[in-house]
Amino acid sequence: MTAYRFVHAADIHLDSPLRSLALRDPALAEFIGNASRLVFTRIIDLCLEEKVQALLIAGDLYDGDQTSMKTARFLGEQLRRLEAAGIEAFIIRGNHDALSRITKELVFPENVHLFGGRAEAIEIRRDRGEPSIKIHTLKAEPTRGWALSILKEAGAIRECEEHGWMQDCADPHAKERALEIARRDPLVGLSDRAVVALIRNVLDELGDTCPECAREQSGQLAS
């Protein structure tokens, strides 16, 4: 039996704006931002060089607030390189991907299968009587990551790119907007009451400053 070979990648964050880093060191932010494209190109190169059957991308291919269609064009061009070589691509959405305009507007090549939040199984039929392969995904469960993505979309939180998340108090209506978004598009099997509880619990965990940043600033003042 011939092995089914694939390349696995995740958390590429194509063209991430790196806002906090850009404020401190614009040149470094530009270098790292360009590096994400170089890395993704190299991943495609590896698939072609190794003549694998598939590329599996397990979440966060780009950032949730990424709206540049230049990113979409670059992504499409790279995936079409796989299509030309007969290599399939399977993309599982991460919490950042789910919010991106790119996710909603980009038309992927025919070799790409984009998994949603439901349990799914894709059967891959092989040549010369080889056994078929199935790629399974599980149903998305109520998770902190999903709640964070909703809160970010509503503008109720913002991200510290080095450490984590904090509340964004600029918009007093952001919390209610997050609840409306979550009710409108809940995870499969999640009741309205569970949606509200999950969003509120995650928001209550976060302060209005990043705890790690606050500790670092205190240490700098003390020294």
N, C-alpha and C. Protein backbone atom coordinates (compact mmCIF):
# COMPACT_ATOMS: atom_id res chain seq x y z
N MET A 1 0.84 -1.20 0.00
CA MET A 1 0.00 0.00 0.00
C MET A 1 0.88 1.25 0.00
N THR A 2 0.58 2.19 -0.87
CA THR A 2 1.32 3.44 -0.97
C THR A 2 0.86 4.41 0.11
N ALA A 3 1.82 5.03 0.77
CA ALA A 3 1.48 5.98 1.84
C ALA A 3 0.79 7.21 1.28
N TYR A 4 -0.15 7.75 2.04
CA TYR A 4 -0.79 9.03 1.69
C TYR A 4 0.00 10.12 2.42
N ARG A 5 0.68 10.96 1.66
CA ARG A 5 1.60 11.94 2.25
C ARG A 5 1.00 13.35 2.17
N PHE A 6 1.13 14.08 3.28
CA PHE A 6 0.61 15.44 3.31
C PHE A 6 1.51 16.32 4.18
N VAL A 7 1.38 17.62 3.97
CA VAL A 7 2.08 18.62 4.79
C VAL A 7 1.05 19.27 5.69
N HIS A 8 1.41 19.43 6.97
CA HIS A 8 0.51 20.04 7.95
C HIS A 8 1.09 21.39 8.38
N ALA A 9 0.22 22.42 8.42
CA ALA A 9 0.65 23.74 8.88
C ALA A 9 -0.50 24.40 9.63
N ALA A 10 -0.17 25.39 10.44
CA ALA A 10 -1.20 26.12 11.20
C ALA A 10 -0.64 27.45 11.67
N ASP A 11 -1.55 28.36 12.06
CA ASP A 11 -1.18 29.66 12.65
C ASP A 11 -0.19 30.44 11.79
N ILE A 12 -0.49 30.57 10.52
CA ILE A 12 0.39 31.29 9.60
C ILE A 12 0.18 32.80 9.71
N HIS A 13 -1.05 33.24 9.91
CA HIS A 13 -1.38 34.66 10.10
C HIS A 13 -0.81 35.53 8.97
N LEU A 14 -1.19 35.22 7.75
CA LEU A 14 -0.69 35.96 6.59
C LEU A 14 -0.93 37.46 6.74
N ASP A 15 0.14 38.24 6.50
CA ASP A 15 0.07 39.70 6.48
C ASP A 15 -0.51 40.28 7.77
N SER A 16 -0.24 39.65 8.90
CA SER A 16 -0.70 40.20 10.17
C SER A 16 -0.18 41.61 10.36
N PRO A 17 -1.03 42.58 10.76
CA PRO A 17 -0.58 43.97 10.86
C PRO A 17 0.42 44.24 11.97
N LEU A 18 0.48 43.38 13.01
CA LEU A 18 1.46 43.52 14.09
C LEU A 18 1.48 44.97 14.63
N ARG A 19 0.32 45.45 15.03
CA ARG A 19 0.19 46.87 15.36
C ARG A 19 1.09 47.31 16.52
N SER A 20 1.10 46.55 17.61
CA SER A 20 1.89 46.99 18.77
C SER A 20 3.38 46.97 18.47
N LEU A 21 3.82 45.97 17.69
CA LEU A 21 5.22 45.91 17.30
C LEU A 21 5.56 47.06 16.36
N ALA A 22 4.64 47.41 15.46
CA ALA A 22 4.89 48.49 14.51
C ALA A 22 5.09 49.83 15.22
N LEU A 23 4.42 50.02 16.36
CA LEU A 23 4.59 51.26 17.11
C LEU A 23 5.99 51.37 17.69
N ARG A 24 6.58 50.22 18.08
CA ARG A 24 7.91 50.23 18.70
C ARG A 24 9.03 50.14 17.68
N ASP A 25 8.82 49.33 16.63
CA ASP A 25 9.88 49.09 15.66
C ASP A 25 9.27 48.81 14.28
N PRO A 26 8.96 49.86 13.52
CA PRO A 26 8.29 49.68 12.22
C PRO A 26 9.06 48.78 11.26
N ALA A 27 10.39 48.90 11.26
CA ALA A 27 11.20 48.09 10.33
C ALA A 27 11.08 46.61 10.67
N LEU A 28 11.13 46.28 11.96
CA LEU A 28 11.01 44.88 12.36
C LEU A 28 9.62 44.35 12.06
N ALA A 29 8.59 45.17 12.28
CA ALA A 29 7.21 44.76 11.97
C ALA A 29 7.05 44.46 10.49
N GLU A 30 7.65 45.29 9.63
CA GLU A 30 7.56 45.06 8.18
C GLU A 30 8.29 43.78 7.79
N PHE A 31 9.46 43.54 8.42
CA PHE A 31 10.23 42.33 8.12
C PHE A 31 9.45 41.08 8.50
N ILE A 32 8.86 41.08 9.70
CA ILE A 32 8.11 39.91 10.15
C ILE A 32 6.84 39.74 9.33
N GLY A 33 6.19 40.86 8.98
CA GLY A 33 4.99 40.78 8.14
C GLY A 33 5.28 40.14 6.80
N ASN A 34 6.39 40.53 6.17
CA ASN A 34 6.78 39.93 4.89
C ASN A 34 7.17 38.47 5.07
N ALA A 35 7.71 38.14 6.24
CA ALA A 35 8.15 36.77 6.49
C ALA A 35 7.00 35.78 6.42
N SER A 36 5.78 36.21 6.81
CA SER A 36 4.65 35.28 6.77
C SER A 36 4.37 34.83 5.33
N ARG A 37 4.54 35.72 4.37
CA ARG A 37 4.37 35.34 2.96
C ARG A 37 5.48 34.40 2.51
N LEU A 38 6.70 34.71 2.93
CA LEU A 38 7.82 33.86 2.56
C LEU A 38 7.64 32.45 3.11
N VAL A 39 7.16 32.37 4.35
CA VAL A 39 6.94 31.07 4.97
C VAL A 39 5.86 30.29 4.22
N PHE A 40 4.75 30.97 3.89
CA PHE A 40 3.68 30.26 3.18
C PHE A 40 4.13 29.81 1.79
N THR A 41 4.90 30.65 1.11
CA THR A 41 5.44 30.25 -0.20
C THR A 41 6.33 29.03 -0.05
N ARG A 42 7.12 29.01 1.01
CA ARG A 42 8.02 27.86 1.24
C ARG A 42 7.22 26.59 1.55
N ILE A 43 6.09 26.73 2.25
CA ILE A 43 5.22 25.58 2.51
C ILE A 43 4.70 25.00 1.20
N ILE A 44 4.27 25.88 0.29
CA ILE A 44 3.80 25.42 -1.02
C ILE A 44 4.95 24.78 -1.78
N ASP A 45 6.13 25.40 -1.74
CA ASP A 45 7.31 24.82 -2.40
C ASP A 45 7.58 23.40 -1.88
N LEU A 46 7.48 23.23 -0.57
CA LEU A 46 7.73 21.92 0.04
C LEU A 46 6.74 20.89 -0.47
N CYS A 47 5.46 21.27 -0.56
CA CYS A 47 4.45 20.35 -1.09
C CYS A 47 4.80 19.90 -2.50
N LEU A 48 5.25 20.84 -3.32
CA LEU A 48 5.59 20.52 -4.70
C LEU A 48 6.86 19.68 -4.80
N GLU A 49 7.86 20.03 -3.99
CA GLU A 49 9.13 19.29 -4.03
C GLU A 49 8.95 17.85 -3.56
N GLU A 50 8.15 17.67 -2.52
CA GLU A 50 7.95 16.34 -1.95
C GLU A 50 6.87 15.54 -2.67
N LYS A 51 6.16 16.21 -3.60
CA LYS A 51 5.08 15.54 -4.36
C LYS A 51 4.06 14.88 -3.44
N VAL A 52 3.62 15.65 -2.43
CA VAL A 52 2.64 15.13 -1.48
C VAL A 52 1.26 15.12 -2.13
N GLN A 53 0.33 14.44 -1.46
CA GLN A 53 -1.04 14.40 -1.98
C GLN A 53 -1.89 15.56 -1.49
N ALA A 54 -1.51 16.16 -0.35
CA ALA A 54 -2.38 17.20 0.20
C ALA A 54 -1.62 18.14 1.13
N LEU A 55 -2.19 19.33 1.30
CA LEU A 55 -1.77 20.29 2.31
C LEU A 55 -2.93 20.47 3.27
N LEU A 56 -2.67 20.32 4.57
CA LEU A 56 -3.68 20.50 5.61
C LEU A 56 -3.31 21.72 6.43
N ILE A 57 -4.17 22.74 6.42
CA ILE A 57 -3.95 23.97 7.18
C ILE A 57 -4.96 23.99 8.32
N ALA A 58 -4.47 23.89 9.54
CA ALA A 58 -5.35 23.71 10.69
C ALA A 58 -5.54 25.02 11.46
N GLY A 59 -6.12 26.01 10.81
CA GLY A 59 -6.56 27.19 11.52
C GLY A 59 -5.65 28.40 11.44
N ASP A 60 -6.29 29.59 11.49
CA ASP A 60 -5.63 30.89 11.54
C ASP A 60 -4.64 31.10 10.40
N LEU A 61 -5.16 30.92 9.20
CA LEU A 61 -4.37 31.19 8.00
C LEU A 61 -4.12 32.69 7.87
N TYR A 62 -5.09 33.50 8.30
CA TYR A 62 -4.90 34.95 8.34
C TYR A 62 -5.57 35.49 9.58
N ASP A 63 -5.51 36.82 9.77
CA ASP A 63 -6.05 37.42 10.99
C ASP A 63 -7.50 37.85 10.81
N GLY A 64 -8.23 37.88 11.92
CA GLY A 64 -9.65 38.21 11.86
C GLY A 64 -9.93 39.60 11.32
N ASP A 65 -9.05 40.59 11.59
CA ASP A 65 -9.29 41.94 11.10
C ASP A 65 -8.57 42.21 9.79
N GLN A 66 -8.09 41.15 9.14
CA GLN A 66 -7.39 41.31 7.87
C GLN A 66 -8.40 41.49 6.75
N THR A 67 -8.36 42.64 6.08
CA THR A 67 -9.33 42.94 5.03
C THR A 67 -8.68 43.18 3.66
N SER A 68 -7.37 43.15 3.58
CA SER A 68 -6.69 43.45 2.32
C SER A 68 -6.92 42.33 1.30
N MET A 69 -7.44 42.70 0.14
CA MET A 69 -7.63 41.71 -0.89
C MET A 69 -6.31 41.37 -1.59
N LYS A 70 -5.25 42.14 -1.30
CA LYS A 70 -3.91 41.73 -1.77
C LYS A 70 -3.52 40.41 -1.11
N THR A 71 -3.89 40.28 0.15
CA THR A 71 -3.64 39.02 0.85
C THR A 71 -4.43 37.89 0.19
N ALA A 72 -5.68 38.17 -0.15
CA ALA A 72 -6.53 37.17 -0.80
C ALA A 72 -5.94 36.74 -2.15
N ARG A 73 -5.46 37.71 -2.92
CA ARG A 73 -4.87 37.38 -4.23
C ARG A 73 -3.63 36.53 -4.07
N PHE A 74 -2.78 36.89 -3.10
CA PHE A 74 -1.58 36.11 -2.85
C PHE A 74 -1.93 34.68 -2.47
N LEU A 75 -2.89 34.54 -1.57
CA LEU A 75 -3.32 33.22 -1.13
C LEU A 75 -3.86 32.40 -2.30
N GLY A 76 -4.70 33.02 -3.12
CA GLY A 76 -5.26 32.33 -4.27
C GLY A 76 -4.18 31.87 -5.24
N GLU A 77 -3.18 32.73 -5.49
CA GLU A 77 -2.09 32.37 -6.40
C GLU A 77 -1.32 31.16 -5.89
N GLN A 78 -1.04 31.13 -4.60
CA GLN A 78 -0.28 30.02 -4.03
C GLN A 78 -1.08 28.72 -4.06
N LEU A 79 -2.36 28.79 -3.75
CA LEU A 79 -3.19 27.58 -3.78
C LEU A 79 -3.38 27.06 -5.20
N ARG A 80 -3.37 27.96 -6.17
CA ARG A 80 -3.47 27.51 -7.57
C ARG A 80 -2.21 26.79 -8.02
N ARG A 81 -1.08 27.08 -7.40
CA ARG A 81 0.14 26.30 -7.68
C ARG A 81 -0.07 24.84 -7.30
N LEU A 82 -0.74 24.61 -6.16
CA LEU A 82 -1.06 23.24 -5.75
C LEU A 82 -2.05 22.61 -6.72
N GLU A 83 -3.05 23.39 -7.12
CA GLU A 83 -4.07 22.87 -8.04
C GLU A 83 -3.43 22.40 -9.34
N ALA A 84 -2.47 23.18 -9.86
CA ALA A 84 -1.80 22.83 -11.11
C ALA A 84 -1.03 21.52 -10.98
N ALA A 85 -0.58 21.21 -9.76
CA ALA A 85 0.19 19.99 -9.53
C ALA A 85 -0.68 18.82 -9.08
N GLY A 86 -2.01 19.04 -9.01
CA GLY A 86 -2.91 17.97 -8.58
C GLY A 86 -2.87 17.69 -7.09
N ILE A 87 -2.49 18.70 -6.30
CA ILE A 87 -2.40 18.54 -4.84
C ILE A 87 -3.62 19.20 -4.20
N GLU A 88 -4.31 18.47 -3.35
CA GLU A 88 -5.49 19.01 -2.68
C GLU A 88 -5.09 19.82 -1.44
N ALA A 89 -5.95 20.74 -1.06
CA ALA A 89 -5.73 21.54 0.15
C ALA A 89 -6.98 21.48 1.01
N PHE A 90 -6.77 21.23 2.30
CA PHE A 90 -7.88 21.17 3.27
C PHE A 90 -7.62 22.25 4.32
N ILE A 91 -8.57 23.16 4.46
CA ILE A 91 -8.39 24.31 5.36
C ILE A 91 -9.46 24.26 6.45
N ILE A 92 -9.02 24.23 7.69
CA ILE A 92 -9.90 24.29 8.85
C ILE A 92 -9.85 25.70 9.39
N ARG A 93 -10.99 26.33 9.55
CA ARG A 93 -11.03 27.70 10.03
C ARG A 93 -10.64 27.79 11.50
N GLY A 94 -9.80 28.77 11.81
CA GLY A 94 -9.52 29.10 13.20
C GLY A 94 -10.41 30.24 13.64
N ASN A 95 -10.29 30.67 14.89
CA ASN A 95 -11.15 31.76 15.37
C ASN A 95 -10.82 33.08 14.69
N HIS A 96 -9.56 33.27 14.23
CA HIS A 96 -9.23 34.48 13.48
C HIS A 96 -9.82 34.42 12.08
N ASP A 97 -9.70 33.26 11.43
CA ASP A 97 -10.21 33.12 10.06
C ASP A 97 -11.70 33.39 9.97
N ALA A 98 -12.44 32.95 10.97
CA ALA A 98 -13.90 33.03 10.91
C ALA A 98 -14.40 34.47 10.77
N LEU A 99 -13.60 35.43 11.25
CA LEU A 99 -14.04 36.82 11.22
C LEU A 99 -13.57 37.57 9.98
N SER A 100 -12.67 36.98 9.23
CA SER A 100 -12.03 37.73 8.17
C SER A 100 -12.93 37.93 6.96
N ARG A 101 -12.85 39.12 6.38
CA ARG A 101 -13.54 39.41 5.13
C ARG A 101 -13.04 38.48 4.03
N ILE A 102 -11.77 38.09 4.11
CA ILE A 102 -11.19 37.20 3.10
C ILE A 102 -11.94 35.88 3.07
N THR A 103 -12.26 35.35 4.26
CA THR A 103 -13.00 34.10 4.34
C THR A 103 -14.32 34.18 3.58
N LYS A 104 -14.98 35.34 3.68
CA LYS A 104 -16.30 35.50 3.08
C LYS A 104 -16.26 35.79 1.59
N GLU A 105 -15.18 36.43 1.10
CA GLU A 105 -15.17 36.92 -0.28
C GLU A 105 -14.27 36.14 -1.23
N LEU A 106 -13.25 35.46 -0.73
CA LEU A 106 -12.34 34.77 -1.63
C LEU A 106 -12.98 33.50 -2.19
N VAL A 107 -12.90 33.35 -3.51
CA VAL A 107 -13.34 32.11 -4.16
C VAL A 107 -12.11 31.21 -4.30
N PHE A 108 -12.13 30.11 -3.57
CA PHE A 108 -10.97 29.22 -3.58
C PHE A 108 -10.93 28.38 -4.84
N PRO A 109 -9.74 27.95 -5.28
CA PRO A 109 -9.64 27.01 -6.40
C PRO A 109 -10.36 25.70 -6.07
N GLU A 110 -10.65 24.91 -7.10
CA GLU A 110 -11.43 23.69 -6.92
C GLU A 110 -10.72 22.62 -6.09
N ASN A 111 -9.42 22.73 -5.95
CA ASN A 111 -8.69 21.74 -5.16
C ASN A 111 -8.77 21.99 -3.66
N VAL A 112 -9.43 23.08 -3.25
CA VAL A 112 -9.47 23.48 -1.84
C VAL A 112 -10.81 23.10 -1.24
N HIS A 113 -10.76 22.45 -0.07
CA HIS A 113 -11.98 22.19 0.70
C HIS A 113 -11.87 22.95 2.01
N LEU A 114 -12.86 23.83 2.25
CA LEU A 114 -12.89 24.64 3.46
C LEU A 114 -13.89 24.03 4.44
N PHE A 115 -13.39 23.56 5.58
CA PHE A 115 -14.26 22.96 6.59
C PHE A 115 -14.96 24.04 7.40
N GLY A 116 -16.21 23.79 7.77
CA GLY A 116 -16.96 24.70 8.63
C GLY A 116 -16.88 24.27 10.08
N GLY A 117 -17.90 24.64 10.86
CA GLY A 117 -17.88 24.32 12.28
C GLY A 117 -18.53 23.00 12.63
N ARG A 118 -19.09 22.28 11.64
CA ARG A 118 -19.78 21.02 11.90
C ARG A 118 -18.86 19.84 11.65
N ALA A 119 -19.21 18.71 12.24
CA ALA A 119 -18.46 17.48 11.99
C ALA A 119 -18.59 17.11 10.52
N GLU A 120 -17.48 16.74 9.93
CA GLU A 120 -17.46 16.46 8.50
C GLU A 120 -16.46 15.36 8.21
N ALA A 121 -16.72 14.61 7.16
CA ALA A 121 -15.77 13.59 6.72
C ALA A 121 -15.67 13.66 5.20
N ILE A 122 -14.46 13.83 4.70
CA ILE A 122 -14.21 13.89 3.26
C ILE A 122 -13.49 12.61 2.85
N GLU A 123 -14.07 11.89 1.91
CA GLU A 123 -13.43 10.66 1.42
C GLU A 123 -12.61 10.98 0.16
N ILE A 124 -11.39 10.55 0.18
CA ILE A 124 -10.48 10.77 -0.96
C ILE A 124 -10.23 9.43 -1.64
N ARG A 125 -10.71 9.32 -2.84
CA ARG A 125 -10.52 8.09 -3.61
C ARG A 125 -9.17 8.13 -4.31
N ARG A 126 -8.47 7.01 -4.26
CA ARG A 126 -7.11 6.95 -4.80
C ARG A 126 -7.05 6.04 -6.02
N ASP A 127 -5.98 6.20 -6.78
CA ASP A 127 -5.81 5.44 -8.02
C ASP A 127 -5.28 4.04 -7.76
N ARG A 128 -5.36 3.23 -8.78
CA ARG A 128 -4.76 1.88 -8.80
C ARG A 128 -5.23 1.00 -7.65
N GLY A 129 -6.48 1.13 -7.27
CA GLY A 129 -7.03 0.24 -6.26
C GLY A 129 -6.55 0.48 -4.85
N GLU A 130 -5.87 1.60 -4.60
CA GLU A 130 -5.41 1.90 -3.24
C GLU A 130 -6.61 2.21 -2.34
N PRO A 131 -6.53 1.86 -1.05
CA PRO A 131 -7.64 2.17 -0.14
C PRO A 131 -7.90 3.67 -0.08
N SER A 132 -9.16 4.04 0.03
CA SER A 132 -9.50 5.46 0.12
C SER A 132 -9.07 6.01 1.48
N ILE A 133 -8.95 7.34 1.54
CA ILE A 133 -8.55 8.04 2.75
C ILE A 133 -9.71 8.93 3.18
N LYS A 134 -9.97 9.01 4.49
CA LYS A 134 -11.00 9.92 4.99
C LYS A 134 -10.36 10.94 5.93
N ILE A 135 -10.70 12.20 5.71
CA ILE A 135 -10.27 13.27 6.60
C ILE A 135 -11.49 13.72 7.40
N HIS A 136 -11.37 13.62 8.71
CA HIS A 136 -12.49 13.94 9.61
C HIS A 136 -12.22 15.24 10.36
N THR A 137 -13.27 16.01 10.58
CA THR A 137 -13.21 17.12 11.53
C THR A 137 -14.35 16.93 12.53
N LEU A 138 -14.15 17.43 13.73
CA LEU A 138 -15.15 17.30 14.78
C LEU A 138 -15.97 18.58 14.87
N LYS A 139 -17.17 18.45 15.41
CA LYS A 139 -18.02 19.62 15.63
C LYS A 139 -17.34 20.57 16.60
N ALA A 140 -17.38 21.85 16.27
CA ALA A 140 -16.82 22.85 17.18
C ALA A 140 -17.62 22.90 18.47
N GLU A 141 -16.95 22.85 19.60
CA GLU A 141 -17.61 22.90 20.89
C GLU A 141 -17.53 24.32 21.46
N PRO A 142 -18.40 24.63 22.44
CA PRO A 142 -18.32 25.94 23.07
C PRO A 142 -16.94 26.16 23.69
N THR A 143 -16.18 27.07 23.15
CA THR A 143 -14.82 27.28 23.60
C THR A 143 -14.56 28.74 23.87
N ARG A 144 -13.52 28.99 24.62
CA ARG A 144 -13.11 30.36 24.91
C ARG A 144 -12.68 31.05 23.62
N GLY A 145 -12.02 30.31 22.72
CA GLY A 145 -11.57 30.90 21.46
C GLY A 145 -12.73 31.44 20.63
N TRP A 146 -13.84 30.68 20.58
CA TRP A 146 -15.00 31.14 19.82
C TRP A 146 -15.57 32.41 20.44
N ALA A 147 -15.67 32.43 21.76
CA ALA A 147 -16.20 33.61 22.44
C ALA A 147 -15.30 34.83 22.21
N LEU A 148 -13.99 34.63 22.24
CA LEU A 148 -13.06 35.73 21.99
C LEU A 148 -13.23 36.28 20.58
N SER A 149 -13.46 35.39 19.60
CA SER A 149 -13.63 35.85 18.23
C SER A 149 -14.89 36.71 18.09
N ILE A 150 -15.97 36.34 18.79
CA ILE A 150 -17.20 37.12 18.76
C ILE A 150 -16.99 38.48 19.43
N LEU A 151 -16.35 38.47 20.58
CA LEU A 151 -16.10 39.72 21.31
C LEU A 151 -15.19 40.65 20.51
N LYS A 152 -14.24 40.09 19.80
CA LYS A 152 -13.35 40.91 18.98
C LYS A 152 -14.12 41.52 17.81
N GLU A 153 -14.96 40.72 17.16
CA GLU A 153 -15.75 41.23 16.03
C GLU A 153 -16.64 42.39 16.48
N ALA A 154 -17.17 42.29 17.69
CA ALA A 154 -18.08 43.33 18.20
C ALA A 154 -17.33 44.56 18.70
N GLY A 155 -16.00 44.47 18.82
CA GLY A 155 -15.24 45.59 19.34
C GLY A 155 -15.23 45.68 20.85
N ALA A 156 -15.57 44.56 21.53
CA ALA A 156 -15.62 44.57 22.99
C ALA A 156 -14.26 44.29 23.62
N ILE A 157 -13.35 43.71 22.84
CA ILE A 157 -12.01 43.42 23.34
C ILE A 157 -10.98 43.79 22.28
N ARG A 158 -9.75 43.89 22.68
CA ARG A 158 -8.66 44.08 21.74
C ARG A 158 -7.50 43.19 22.16
N GLU A 159 -6.60 42.98 21.24
CA GLU A 159 -5.55 41.99 21.46
C GLU A 159 -4.22 42.66 21.75
N CYS A 160 -3.54 42.16 22.77
CA CYS A 160 -2.13 42.48 22.99
C CYS A 160 -1.36 41.42 22.21
N GLU A 161 -0.64 41.82 21.17
CA GLU A 161 -0.03 40.85 20.27
C GLU A 161 1.05 40.01 20.94
N GLU A 162 1.54 40.47 22.10
CA GLU A 162 2.59 39.72 22.77
C GLU A 162 2.04 38.78 23.83
N HIS A 163 0.86 39.11 24.41
CA HIS A 163 0.43 38.36 25.59
C HIS A 163 -0.99 37.80 25.51
N GLY A 164 -1.96 38.58 25.09
CA GLY A 164 -3.32 38.07 25.15
C GLY A 164 -4.35 39.13 24.86
N TRP A 165 -5.46 39.09 25.60
CA TRP A 165 -6.61 39.93 25.33
C TRP A 165 -6.93 40.84 26.50
N MET A 166 -7.62 41.96 26.21
CA MET A 166 -8.09 42.87 27.24
C MET A 166 -9.39 43.50 26.77
N GLN A 167 -10.20 43.99 27.71
CA GLN A 167 -11.44 44.66 27.34
C GLN A 167 -11.14 45.97 26.63
N ASP A 168 -11.98 46.31 25.65
CA ASP A 168 -11.90 47.59 24.96
C ASP A 168 -13.15 48.38 25.33
N CYS A 169 -12.97 49.41 26.14
CA CYS A 169 -14.12 50.14 26.70
C CYS A 169 -14.52 51.35 25.85
N ALA A 170 -13.97 51.47 24.65
CA ALA A 170 -14.25 52.65 23.82
C ALA A 170 -15.71 52.71 23.38
N ASP A 171 -16.33 51.56 23.15
CA ASP A 171 -17.71 51.52 22.68
C ASP A 171 -18.60 50.90 23.76
N PRO A 172 -19.48 51.68 24.39
CA PRO A 172 -20.32 51.15 25.48
C PRO A 172 -21.34 50.12 25.01
N HIS A 173 -21.59 50.06 23.71
CA HIS A 173 -22.59 49.13 23.18
C HIS A 173 -21.96 47.83 22.64
N ALA A 174 -20.64 47.70 22.76
CA ALA A 174 -19.96 46.56 22.15
C ALA A 174 -20.37 45.23 22.79
N LYS A 175 -20.58 45.24 24.10
CA LYS A 175 -20.93 43.99 24.78
C LYS A 175 -22.27 43.46 24.28
N GLU A 176 -23.27 44.34 24.20
CA GLU A 176 -24.57 43.90 23.71
C GLU A 176 -24.50 43.48 22.25
N ARG A 177 -23.66 44.16 21.47
CA ARG A 177 -23.50 43.77 20.07
C ARG A 177 -22.88 42.37 19.96
N ALA A 178 -21.96 42.05 20.86
CA ALA A 178 -21.36 40.71 20.87
C ALA A 178 -22.41 39.64 21.14
N LEU A 179 -23.31 39.92 22.09
CA LEU A 179 -24.37 38.96 22.40
C LEU A 179 -25.31 38.78 21.21
N GLU A 180 -25.59 39.85 20.49
CA GLU A 180 -26.46 39.76 19.31
C GLU A 180 -25.80 38.91 18.23
N ILE A 181 -24.51 39.11 18.00
CA ILE A 181 -23.78 38.34 16.99
C ILE A 181 -23.77 36.86 17.37
N ALA A 182 -23.51 36.58 18.65
CA ALA A 182 -23.43 35.20 19.11
C ALA A 182 -24.78 34.49 19.00
N ARG A 183 -25.86 35.20 19.31
CA ARG A 183 -27.19 34.61 19.19
C ARG A 183 -27.56 34.35 17.73
N ARG A 184 -27.12 35.25 16.86
CA ARG A 184 -27.46 35.13 15.44
C ARG A 184 -26.72 33.97 14.77
N ASP A 185 -25.49 33.73 15.22
CA ASP A 185 -24.68 32.67 14.58
C ASP A 185 -23.98 31.85 15.65
N PRO A 186 -24.75 31.09 16.46
CA PRO A 186 -24.15 30.33 17.57
C PRO A 186 -23.45 29.08 17.08
N LEU A 187 -22.61 28.52 17.93
CA LEU A 187 -22.05 27.20 17.64
C LEU A 187 -23.17 26.18 17.63
N VAL A 188 -22.97 25.14 16.83
CA VAL A 188 -24.00 24.11 16.70
C VAL A 188 -24.30 23.49 18.06
N GLY A 189 -25.59 23.42 18.40
CA GLY A 189 -26.01 22.78 19.64
C GLY A 189 -25.94 23.66 20.87
N LEU A 190 -25.60 24.94 20.70
CA LEU A 190 -25.47 25.84 21.83
C LEU A 190 -26.76 26.64 22.00
N SER A 191 -27.38 26.55 23.18
CA SER A 191 -28.63 27.26 23.42
C SER A 191 -28.38 28.74 23.61
N ASP A 192 -29.46 29.53 23.53
CA ASP A 192 -29.35 30.97 23.71
C ASP A 192 -28.80 31.30 25.09
N ARG A 193 -29.26 30.59 26.10
CA ARG A 193 -28.77 30.83 27.47
C ARG A 193 -27.29 30.51 27.59
N ALA A 194 -26.86 29.42 26.95
CA ALA A 194 -25.44 29.04 27.00
C ALA A 194 -24.58 30.05 26.26
N VAL A 195 -25.09 30.58 25.16
CA VAL A 195 -24.36 31.61 24.40
C VAL A 195 -24.09 32.82 25.29
N VAL A 196 -25.15 33.31 25.95
CA VAL A 196 -25.02 34.49 26.81
C VAL A 196 -24.04 34.22 27.95
N ALA A 197 -24.15 33.06 28.57
CA ALA A 197 -23.28 32.73 29.70
C ALA A 197 -21.81 32.65 29.27
N LEU A 198 -21.57 32.03 28.12
CA LEU A 198 -20.20 31.88 27.64
C LEU A 198 -19.58 33.23 27.33
N ILE A 199 -20.30 34.09 26.60
CA ILE A 199 -19.77 35.40 26.25
C ILE A 199 -19.49 36.23 27.50
N ARG A 200 -20.43 36.23 28.44
CA ARG A 200 -20.26 37.02 29.66
C ARG A 200 -19.12 36.50 30.52
N ASN A 201 -19.00 35.18 30.63
CA ASN A 201 -17.94 34.60 31.45
C ASN A 201 -16.56 34.95 30.91
N VAL A 202 -16.40 34.84 29.60
CA VAL A 202 -15.10 35.16 29.00
C VAL A 202 -14.79 36.64 29.16
N LEU A 203 -15.78 37.50 28.94
CA LEU A 203 -15.54 38.94 29.09
C LEU A 203 -15.19 39.29 30.53
N ASP A 204 -15.85 38.63 31.49
CA ASP A 204 -15.58 38.92 32.90
C ASP A 204 -14.17 38.50 33.31
N GLU A 205 -13.59 37.53 32.59
CA GLU A 205 -12.23 37.08 32.90
C GLU A 205 -11.18 38.14 32.56
N LEU A 206 -11.53 39.03 31.62
CA LEU A 206 -10.55 39.97 31.08
C LEU A 206 -10.65 41.31 31.78
N GLY A 207 -9.52 41.91 32.07
CA GLY A 207 -9.50 43.27 32.57
C GLY A 207 -9.38 44.26 31.42
N ASP A 208 -9.22 45.54 31.75
CA ASP A 208 -9.08 46.54 30.70
C ASP A 208 -7.63 46.86 30.39
N THR A 209 -6.72 46.09 31.01
CA THR A 209 -5.30 46.17 30.65
C THR A 209 -4.76 44.75 30.57
N CYS A 210 -3.68 44.58 29.82
CA CYS A 210 -3.05 43.27 29.72
C CYS A 210 -2.25 43.02 31.00
N PRO A 211 -2.54 41.96 31.76
CA PRO A 211 -1.84 41.71 33.03
C PRO A 211 -0.33 41.59 32.85
N GLU A 212 0.10 40.95 31.77
CA GLU A 212 1.53 40.76 31.54
C GLU A 212 2.22 42.09 31.27
N CYS A 213 1.57 42.94 30.45
CA CYS A 213 2.14 44.26 30.16
C CYS A 213 2.25 45.08 31.44
N ALA A 214 1.20 45.00 32.29
CA ALA A 214 1.21 45.76 33.53
C ALA A 214 2.37 45.32 34.44
N ARG A 215 2.61 44.01 34.49
CA ARG A 215 3.72 43.51 35.31
C ARG A 215 5.06 43.96 34.75
N GLU A 216 5.20 43.94 33.42
CA GLU A 216 6.45 44.37 32.81
C GLU A 216 6.71 45.84 33.08
N GLN A 217 5.65 46.67 32.96
CA GLN A 217 5.81 48.10 33.20
C GLN A 217 6.19 48.36 34.65
N SER A 218 5.59 47.62 35.59
CA SER A 218 5.92 47.77 37.01
C SER A 218 7.38 47.41 37.26
N GLY A 219 7.84 46.35 36.60
CA GLY A 219 9.23 45.93 36.76
C GLY A 219 10.19 46.97 36.23
N GLN A 220 9.83 47.61 35.10
CA GLN A 220 10.69 48.64 34.53
C GLN A 220 10.75 49.85 35.43
N LEU A 221 9.61 50.23 36.03
CA LEU A 221 9.59 51.37 36.93
C LEU A 221 10.43 51.09 38.18
N ALA A 222 10.33 49.84 38.68
CA ALA A 222 11.07 49.48 39.88
C ALA A 222 12.57 49.50 39.66
N SER A 223 12.99 49.13 38.44
CA SER A 223 14.43 49.09 38.16
C SER A 223 14.95 50.50 37.87
